[in-house]
């Protein structure tokens, strides 16, 4: 195996409301500083501009919080897992919590990520039939291209879809959608397709990524 001689730890962590609006680049800077503050023996790349050998599984869209984020970090030497997690948690800013860490033995590569589960809540300007959208043969959105705006069908990007009515005109949506390097759909595009179909305005939207799925 190409990674068998490398000391790579897979870290699972949360991304809370306090950090969900920062860009991916700023988030990377934040995590890099945390590894340095925690005095984790990270390994650096070679060359004129060395950087920590860190790989984020699936960058979280801005405005989305998550309970299942993952990253791989390469170290110069092994560490006790409990010490690793405690040291890193003490160095992380509010909103990021390390849930677990393990050596990357026989774990799938991030390239093999295929889907992600999102829980979404929102208020609607009108009452929605919770079954009609899911039964459609196509989910259409307008997407910008080099030739202007065009309609795109995102139906094949949605593996599962459950919409429920809650109290006070609010709705909850649980959806498994394509994610990763092969195919990717951001949850806001699914909401855009729904809004267009129902002719409704959605507001007070909260999106939480609950789980990431790898292909077989």
Foldseek 3Di string as FASTA:
>chain_A
DVCPPWFKKKWWKWAAPVHLQDDPVVVVVQLQVLCVQLVFQFDWDDDDDIDFPKAWLFDDHRQAIERTTMMMGTGPDDDDFVSVQVSSQVSHDPRMHTDGMDTPDPDDDSQQWWKWKKKKKWAKPDDDDFPVVLPDPFQWDWDQDPVGIDIDTQNVQWDDWGKDADPPRMIMIITMGTGHDPDHDHVVRSVRSVCVVVVIDIDPMYMYTYDIDGDD
